[in-house]
Amino acid sequence: MSTETRSIGKDIIVTQARIAGIVSCVPKQTVTNETFASRFEPEALASVIKMIGVQTRRQTDAHTTTSDLCAAAGEVLLQKLNWIVDSIDVIIFVSQTPDHVLPATACVLQRELKLSQANIAFDVNLGCSGYVYALWLGMTMIQTGAANRVLLAVGDTVSKIVNPTDRATALLFGDAGTMTALERSDNANDVCRFVLGSDGTGAKNLIVPEGAFRAAPVKQDAAGQTLDQHHLYMDGGEIFNFTLRTIPALVARLLAFSGSNIAEQDYFLFHQANLFMLNHLVKKIKIPKEQAPINIEEYGNTSSASIPLLMTTRLRDELLTKALKLNLFGFGVGYSWGGAALSVGPLRCVETIER
């Protein structure tokens, strides 16, 4: 095993916890590529669309936040599972688009879902790797005995922070919120293996420079105009290089840690970064295309919500009827990355709803 593969992240095994159900919520508003025709030159627009592969994406209105989407998903999930609110011990909100700087949005969700006051509620500031980290955190709390049932509210409304004149981000991102229910399990097969890592030297390559408490240096574009740094900035080339440098090694490490191989797994679910990148990864790692489903063409890059949204839109029928061996891979902003190998299903609830 290479040094790169060994050092790709921290190996962690979690037992006694499983996913009980997942609901994704997307905005009703569908934004097509034709919407951008008046903003960009036709050739430039066509080139970006070919690269990212997004045909439509969902966007919230001015008054809808990530917590609204997660709350709507949570209401459906709790009803379908028939969970009483007093039985839920923890709610974790994982996002980079919270309702406010403070208070924690998890507390808002505790109120909206009418959870018990004897409930642990807190936020985690993560984006593209957020769902894998959320699973690790929630399952660990169950394994340690701190909780029996945990709700993971994971999502982003990145459309609120993109510059509408920046084709690299405006065309790429969509909005979604998800809710995943975790519960204690006595099944010996409910073992989840995680590989988690980070590299903060890449923080500057995917960032909203202003809006919090560290002032950003003034930047100008090629025409000498001062840039608005309250919008998302993305260096696509650096993100692409990071992904190709890190994720094949992450996949290899997770398979080795699991003592498994590609053929023994049902699906590999990658964060839906962009279509060119996904196709390149699948080809480089030599994963059959049918084992790596995508939905970026329909929903865009939904940041932390992309993996659970992929599960509810592409694997719903299978997850409701049987157990699937899944390998999940989140990667991006931070830089931060995580892989998870686990068995999921049959689940009692797998839905995609609109709000």
Protein backbone atom coordinates (compact mmCIF):
# COMPACT_ATOMS: atom_id res chain seq x y z
CA MET A 1 0.00 0.00 0.00
CA SER A 2 1.40 3.41 -0.99
CA THR A 3 2.24 6.13 1.54
CA GLU A 4 -0.33 8.38 -0.18
CA THR A 5 -3.08 5.80 0.37
CA ARG A 6 -2.12 5.22 4.01
CA SER A 7 -2.03 8.95 4.81
CA ILE A 8 -5.24 9.92 3.01
CA GLY A 9 -7.23 10.10 6.23
CA LYS A 10 -8.09 8.67 9.61
CA ASP A 11 -9.66 5.19 9.68
CA ILE A 12 -12.64 4.79 12.03
CA ILE A 13 -15.05 1.91 12.66
CA VAL A 14 -18.50 2.62 14.11
CA THR A 15 -20.97 -0.08 15.14
CA GLN A 16 -24.45 -0.35 16.69
CA ALA A 17 -25.99 2.36 14.48
CA ARG A 18 -27.88 2.36 11.20
CA ILE A 19 -29.85 4.61 8.85
CA ALA A 20 -33.63 4.23 9.34
CA GLY A 21 -34.84 6.62 6.65
CA ILE A 22 -33.95 9.56 4.41
CA VAL A 23 -36.05 12.38 2.98
CA SER A 24 -34.75 15.05 0.60
CA CYS A 25 -36.52 18.34 -0.04
CA VAL A 26 -35.86 20.49 -3.12
CA PRO A 27 -37.38 23.86 -4.01
CA LYS A 28 -40.27 23.86 -6.47
CA GLN A 29 -38.57 26.42 -8.70
CA THR A 30 -36.65 24.79 -11.56
CA VAL A 31 -34.02 26.94 -13.27
CA THR A 32 -33.07 25.84 -16.80
CA ASN A 33 -29.97 26.76 -18.77
CA GLU A 34 -32.07 29.03 -20.96
CA THR A 35 -32.36 31.34 -17.95
CA PHE A 36 -28.70 32.26 -18.38
CA ALA A 37 -28.81 32.92 -22.13
CA SER A 38 -29.06 36.69 -21.71
CA ARG A 39 -26.15 36.87 -19.24
CA PHE A 40 -23.37 35.07 -21.10
CA GLU A 41 -22.01 34.72 -24.60
CA PRO A 42 -23.48 31.62 -26.33
CA GLU A 43 -20.12 29.91 -26.89
CA ALA A 44 -18.99 30.48 -23.30
CA LEU A 45 -22.33 29.28 -21.97
CA ALA A 46 -22.26 26.11 -24.08
CA SER A 47 -18.69 25.36 -22.98
CA VAL A 48 -19.55 25.61 -19.26
CA ILE A 49 -22.71 23.53 -19.65
CA LYS A 50 -20.77 20.78 -21.42
CA MET A 51 -18.20 20.73 -18.63
CA ILE A 52 -20.49 20.77 -15.61
CA GLY A 53 -23.30 18.71 -17.15
CA VAL A 54 -26.10 20.59 -15.37
CA GLN A 55 -29.29 20.97 -17.40
CA THR A 56 -31.60 22.12 -14.59
CA ARG A 57 -31.19 23.03 -10.96
CA ARG A 58 -33.59 23.89 -8.11
CA GLN A 59 -33.40 27.28 -6.42
CA THR A 60 -35.15 28.70 -3.39
CA ASP A 61 -37.01 31.99 -3.33
CA ALA A 62 -35.72 34.92 -1.31
CA HIS A 63 -37.59 33.86 1.83
CA THR A 64 -36.78 30.13 1.95
CA THR A 65 -33.68 28.96 3.80
CA THR A 66 -31.85 25.67 4.17
CA SER A 67 -33.59 25.07 7.50
CA ASP A 68 -36.99 25.43 5.82
CA LEU A 69 -36.09 22.65 3.39
CA CYS A 70 -34.68 20.45 6.16
CA ALA A 71 -37.71 21.04 8.38
CA ALA A 72 -40.08 20.03 5.57
CA ALA A 73 -38.03 16.88 5.02
CA GLY A 74 -38.02 16.20 8.76
CA GLU A 75 -41.79 16.44 9.09
CA VAL A 76 -42.30 13.83 6.38
CA LEU A 77 -39.56 11.59 7.77
CA LEU A 78 -40.94 11.56 11.32
CA GLN A 79 -44.45 10.88 10.07
CA LYS A 80 -43.34 8.00 7.83
CA LEU A 81 -41.20 6.44 10.56
CA ASN A 82 -43.90 7.02 13.16
CA TRP A 83 -41.29 8.39 15.55
CA ILE A 84 -42.60 10.42 18.48
CA VAL A 85 -40.63 13.61 18.93
CA ASP A 86 -39.70 12.83 22.55
CA SER A 87 -37.78 9.76 21.36
CA ILE A 88 -35.21 11.84 19.45
CA ASP A 89 -32.08 12.62 21.42
CA VAL A 90 -30.02 14.74 19.01
CA ILE A 91 -30.44 16.94 15.95
CA ILE A 92 -27.35 18.03 14.03
CA PHE A 93 -27.51 20.69 11.31
CA VAL A 94 -24.67 20.40 8.77
CA SER A 95 -24.47 23.28 6.30
CA GLN A 96 -22.53 26.32 5.16
CA THR A 97 -25.69 28.34 4.59
CA PRO A 98 -27.27 28.63 8.07
CA ASP A 99 -30.21 30.87 8.88
CA HIS A 100 -28.09 33.29 10.95
CA VAL A 101 -24.56 33.81 12.22
CA LEU A 102 -26.18 33.00 15.55
CA PRO A 103 -28.14 31.24 17.00
CA ALA A 104 -27.40 27.72 15.82
CA THR A 105 -29.85 26.66 13.13
CA ALA A 106 -30.20 23.27 14.84
CA CYS A 107 -32.01 25.08 17.65
CA VAL A 108 -34.40 26.58 15.09
CA LEU A 109 -35.07 23.07 13.77
CA GLN A 110 -35.63 21.77 17.30
CA ARG A 111 -38.36 24.39 17.62
CA GLU A 112 -39.88 23.80 14.17
CA LEU A 113 -40.05 20.02 14.60
CA LYS A 114 -41.30 20.40 18.20
CA LEU A 115 -38.58 18.16 19.58
CA SER A 116 -38.13 17.67 23.30
CA GLN A 117 -36.16 20.27 25.26
CA ALA A 118 -34.08 17.34 26.48
CA ASN A 119 -32.52 17.37 23.03
CA ILE A 120 -28.94 18.01 21.98
CA ALA A 121 -28.92 20.51 19.08
CA PHE A 122 -25.86 21.94 17.36
CA ASP A 123 -24.47 23.03 13.99
CA VAL A 124 -21.50 21.76 11.99
CA ASN A 125 -19.96 24.08 9.38
CA LEU A 126 -19.12 21.75 6.49
CA GLY A 127 -20.05 21.65 2.83
CA CYS A 128 -19.24 19.00 0.22
CA SER A 129 -17.97 16.39 2.71
CA GLY A 130 -20.70 17.23 5.23
CA TYR A 131 -22.95 14.20 4.85
CA VAL A 132 -20.18 11.67 5.46
CA TYR A 133 -19.00 13.62 8.50
CA ALA A 134 -22.59 13.87 9.76
CA LEU A 135 -23.02 10.09 9.55
CA TRP A 136 -19.77 9.55 11.45
CA LEU A 137 -20.72 12.04 14.16
CA GLY A 138 -24.31 10.85 14.61
CA MET A 139 -23.41 7.15 14.54
CA THR A 140 -20.58 7.71 17.02
CA MET A 141 -22.99 9.37 19.45
CA ILE A 142 -25.21 6.31 19.22
CA GLN A 143 -22.31 3.88 19.64
CA THR A 144 -21.11 5.66 22.77
CA GLY A 145 -24.56 5.52 24.35
CA ALA A 146 -25.12 9.27 24.23
CA ALA A 147 -28.17 8.80 21.99
CA ASN A 148 -30.54 6.18 20.62
CA ARG A 149 -32.04 8.27 17.82
CA VAL A 150 -30.35 11.09 15.90
CA LEU A 151 -31.61 13.39 13.14
CA LEU A 152 -29.11 14.69 10.58
CA ALA A 153 -30.30 17.87 8.86
CA VAL A 154 -27.87 18.27 5.96
CA GLY A 155 -28.19 20.74 3.10
CA ASP A 156 -27.24 24.02 1.47
CA THR A 157 -28.82 26.86 -0.47
CA VAL A 158 -25.69 27.93 -2.32
CA SER A 159 -27.71 29.89 -4.89
CA LYS A 160 -28.00 32.62 -2.26
CA ILE A 161 -24.25 33.26 -2.23
CA VAL A 162 -23.26 32.84 -5.89
CA ASN A 163 -22.59 35.81 -8.13
CA PRO A 164 -25.27 35.64 -10.87
CA THR A 165 -22.72 36.93 -13.38
CA ASP A 166 -20.13 34.25 -12.55
CA ARG A 167 -20.86 31.38 -14.92
CA ALA A 168 -18.50 29.04 -13.04
CA THR A 169 -20.78 29.05 -9.99
CA ALA A 170 -24.15 30.44 -11.12
CA LEU A 171 -24.74 27.56 -13.54
CA LEU A 172 -23.35 24.86 -11.27
CA PHE A 173 -25.09 25.01 -7.91
CA GLY A 174 -28.57 23.99 -6.87
CA ASP A 175 -30.37 24.03 -3.52
CA ALA A 176 -31.59 21.13 -1.37
CA GLY A 177 -32.16 20.14 2.23
CA THR A 178 -32.25 16.61 3.62
CA MET A 179 -33.08 14.79 6.84
CA THR A 180 -31.62 11.41 7.75
CA ALA A 181 -32.79 9.35 10.72
CA LEU A 182 -30.23 7.26 12.60
CA GLU A 183 -31.13 4.68 15.22
CA ARG A 184 -29.48 2.15 17.51
CA SER A 185 -29.02 -1.33 16.04
CA ASP A 186 -28.27 -4.74 17.52
CA ASN A 187 -27.49 -6.20 14.10
CA ALA A 188 -23.88 -7.34 13.89
CA ASN A 189 -23.84 -6.44 10.20
CA ASP A 190 -24.40 -2.76 10.94
CA VAL A 191 -20.77 -1.76 10.80
CA CYS A 192 -19.70 1.49 9.15
CA ARG A 193 -16.12 2.19 8.18
CA PHE A 194 -15.03 5.78 7.70
CA VAL A 195 -11.93 7.44 6.28
CA LEU A 196 -11.86 11.17 7.07
CA GLY A 197 -9.29 13.84 6.20
CA SER A 198 -8.65 17.51 5.56
CA ASP A 199 -6.12 19.93 4.07
CA GLY A 200 -6.63 23.57 4.96
CA THR A 201 -4.00 24.76 2.48
CA GLY A 202 -6.80 24.63 -0.11
CA ALA A 203 -9.22 26.81 1.87
CA LYS A 204 -8.64 29.82 -0.38
CA ASN A 205 -9.77 27.96 -3.51
CA LEU A 206 -13.46 27.65 -2.55
CA ILE A 207 -14.45 30.48 -0.25
CA VAL A 208 -16.79 33.34 0.54
CA PRO A 209 -14.09 35.86 1.54
CA GLU A 210 -16.35 38.35 3.34
CA GLY A 211 -19.41 38.12 5.55
CA ALA A 212 -18.02 36.85 8.86
CA PHE A 213 -15.28 38.26 11.06
CA ARG A 214 -12.02 38.17 9.08
CA ALA A 215 -11.65 41.04 6.65
CA ALA A 216 -10.52 39.93 3.19
CA PRO A 217 -7.96 41.87 1.12
CA VAL A 218 -9.54 43.99 -1.61
CA LYS A 219 -9.38 42.22 -4.99
CA GLN A 220 -9.92 43.54 -8.47
CA ASP A 221 -10.81 41.82 -11.72
CA ALA A 222 -8.87 42.14 -14.97
CA ALA A 223 -10.72 45.37 -15.78
CA GLY A 224 -9.71 46.94 -12.49
CA GLN A 225 -13.18 46.70 -10.93
CA THR A 226 -13.35 45.87 -7.22
CA LEU A 227 -14.77 42.39 -6.71
CA ASP A 228 -17.72 41.76 -4.40
CA GLN A 229 -16.28 39.28 -1.95
CA HIS A 230 -19.57 38.45 -0.27
CA HIS A 231 -20.14 35.99 -3.13
CA LEU A 232 -18.72 32.50 -3.51
CA TYR A 233 -15.31 32.31 -5.17
CA MET A 234 -14.19 29.04 -6.77
CA ASP A 235 -10.91 28.22 -8.46
CA GLY A 236 -12.23 25.37 -10.59
CA GLY A 237 -8.83 24.23 -11.81
CA GLU A 238 -7.45 23.85 -8.30
CA ILE A 239 -10.58 22.05 -7.12
CA PHE A 240 -10.30 19.64 -10.05
CA ASN A 241 -6.62 18.96 -9.31
CA PHE A 242 -7.35 18.39 -5.62
CA THR A 243 -10.14 15.94 -6.46
CA LEU A 244 -8.06 13.86 -8.86
CA ARG A 245 -5.14 13.89 -6.42
CA THR A 246 -7.20 12.85 -3.39
CA ILE A 247 -10.33 10.87 -4.24
CA PRO A 248 -8.86 7.86 -6.11
CA ALA A 249 -6.56 7.35 -3.12
CA LEU A 250 -9.54 7.76 -0.76
CA VAL A 251 -11.50 5.10 -2.66
CA ALA A 252 -8.53 2.74 -2.56
CA ARG A 253 -8.03 3.34 1.16
CA LEU A 254 -11.70 2.73 2.01
CA LEU A 255 -11.81 -0.50 -0.01
CA ALA A 256 -8.62 -1.71 1.67
CA PHE A 257 -9.96 -0.75 5.10
CA SER A 258 -13.15 -2.69 4.34
CA GLY A 259 -11.25 -5.67 2.97
CA SER A 260 -13.36 -5.41 -0.16
CA ASN A 261 -13.18 -4.64 -3.86
CA ILE A 262 -15.26 -2.77 -6.42
CA ALA A 263 -17.14 -5.84 -7.65
CA GLU A 264 -18.35 -6.69 -4.13
CA GLN A 265 -20.02 -3.30 -3.66
CA ASP A 266 -23.44 -2.29 -5.01
CA TYR A 267 -22.88 1.43 -5.54
CA PHE A 268 -20.29 4.17 -5.24
CA LEU A 269 -22.01 7.47 -4.45
CA PHE A 270 -19.82 10.50 -5.13
CA HIS A 271 -20.54 14.09 -4.22
CA GLN A 272 -22.05 15.53 -7.38
CA ALA A 273 -19.32 18.08 -8.08
CA ASN A 274 -19.58 18.35 -11.87
CA LEU A 275 -20.17 15.85 -14.64
CA PHE A 276 -16.73 16.02 -16.25
CA MET A 277 -15.05 15.45 -12.90
CA LEU A 278 -17.35 12.55 -12.03
CA ASN A 279 -16.80 10.82 -15.36
CA HIS A 280 -13.06 11.30 -15.04
CA LEU A 281 -13.04 9.84 -11.52
CA VAL A 282 -15.10 6.80 -12.47
CA LYS A 283 -12.86 6.10 -15.44
CA LYS A 284 -9.64 6.59 -13.45
CA ILE A 285 -10.80 4.35 -10.59
CA LYS A 286 -12.25 1.80 -13.06
CA ILE A 287 -15.73 1.70 -11.56
CA PRO A 288 -18.46 0.45 -13.92
CA LYS A 289 -20.75 3.36 -14.77
CA GLU A 290 -23.82 1.49 -13.56
CA GLN A 291 -22.27 1.40 -10.08
CA ALA A 292 -21.81 5.18 -9.93
CA PRO A 293 -25.23 6.84 -10.36
CA ILE A 294 -25.47 10.58 -11.02
CA ASN A 295 -28.20 13.21 -10.78
CA ILE A 296 -26.19 16.40 -11.30
CA GLU A 297 -27.81 16.97 -14.68
CA GLU A 298 -31.19 17.38 -12.96
CA TYR A 299 -30.33 19.02 -9.63
CA GLY A 300 -26.88 20.58 -10.02
CA ASN A 301 -24.23 20.54 -7.32
CA THR A 302 -26.18 20.68 -4.05
CA SER A 303 -23.10 20.73 -1.82
CA SER A 304 -23.64 18.80 1.45
CA ALA A 305 -27.06 17.53 0.29
CA SER A 306 -25.78 15.85 -2.87
CA ILE A 307 -25.20 12.32 -1.51
CA PRO A 308 -28.52 11.88 0.36
CA LEU A 309 -30.33 13.49 -2.60
CA LEU A 310 -28.63 10.98 -4.87
CA MET A 311 -29.86 8.18 -2.62
CA THR A 312 -33.49 9.33 -2.60
CA THR A 313 -33.67 10.12 -6.33
CA ARG A 314 -31.67 7.26 -7.84
CA LEU A 315 -31.81 4.39 -5.32
CA ARG A 316 -35.25 4.83 -3.72
CA ASP A 317 -36.89 1.58 -4.85
CA GLU A 318 -33.88 -0.56 -4.00
CA LEU A 319 -33.34 1.03 -0.60
CA LEU A 320 -36.96 0.36 0.33
CA THR A 321 -36.73 -3.32 -0.50
CA LYS A 322 -33.23 -4.60 0.25
CA ALA A 323 -29.86 -3.93 1.83
CA LEU A 324 -27.28 -2.26 -0.38
CA LYS A 325 -23.53 -2.16 0.11
CA LEU A 326 -22.74 1.53 -0.39
CA ASN A 327 -19.53 3.51 -0.54
CA LEU A 328 -20.09 7.25 -0.02
CA PHE A 329 -17.53 9.92 -0.91
CA GLY A 330 -17.82 13.61 -0.03
CA PHE A 331 -15.07 16.05 -0.99
CA GLY A 332 -14.43 19.72 -1.62
CA VAL A 333 -14.58 22.97 0.33
CA GLY A 334 -12.09 23.08 3.17
CA TYR A 335 -10.38 21.12 1.70
CA SER A 336 -12.23 18.34 3.45
CA TRP A 337 -13.06 14.79 2.43
CA GLY A 338 -14.65 11.66 3.79
CA GLY A 339 -15.49 8.14 2.70
CA ALA A 340 -17.97 5.75 4.32
CA ALA A 341 -18.56 2.06 3.62
CA LEU A 342 -21.81 0.72 5.05
CA SER A 343 -24.86 -1.41 4.44
CA VAL A 344 -28.06 0.62 4.01
CA GLY A 345 -31.60 -0.77 3.82
CA PRO A 346 -34.18 -1.94 3.63
CA LEU A 347 -35.33 1.49 4.85
CA ARG A 348 -38.78 2.42 6.11
CA CYS A 349 -38.77 5.79 4.38
CA VAL A 350 -36.97 7.10 1.25
CA GLU A 351 -38.60 10.15 -0.31
CA THR A 352 -37.90 13.24 -2.39
CA ILE A 353 -40.36 16.09 -1.82
CA GLU A 354 -40.77 19.69 -2.98
CA ARG A 355 -41.30 22.85 -0.99
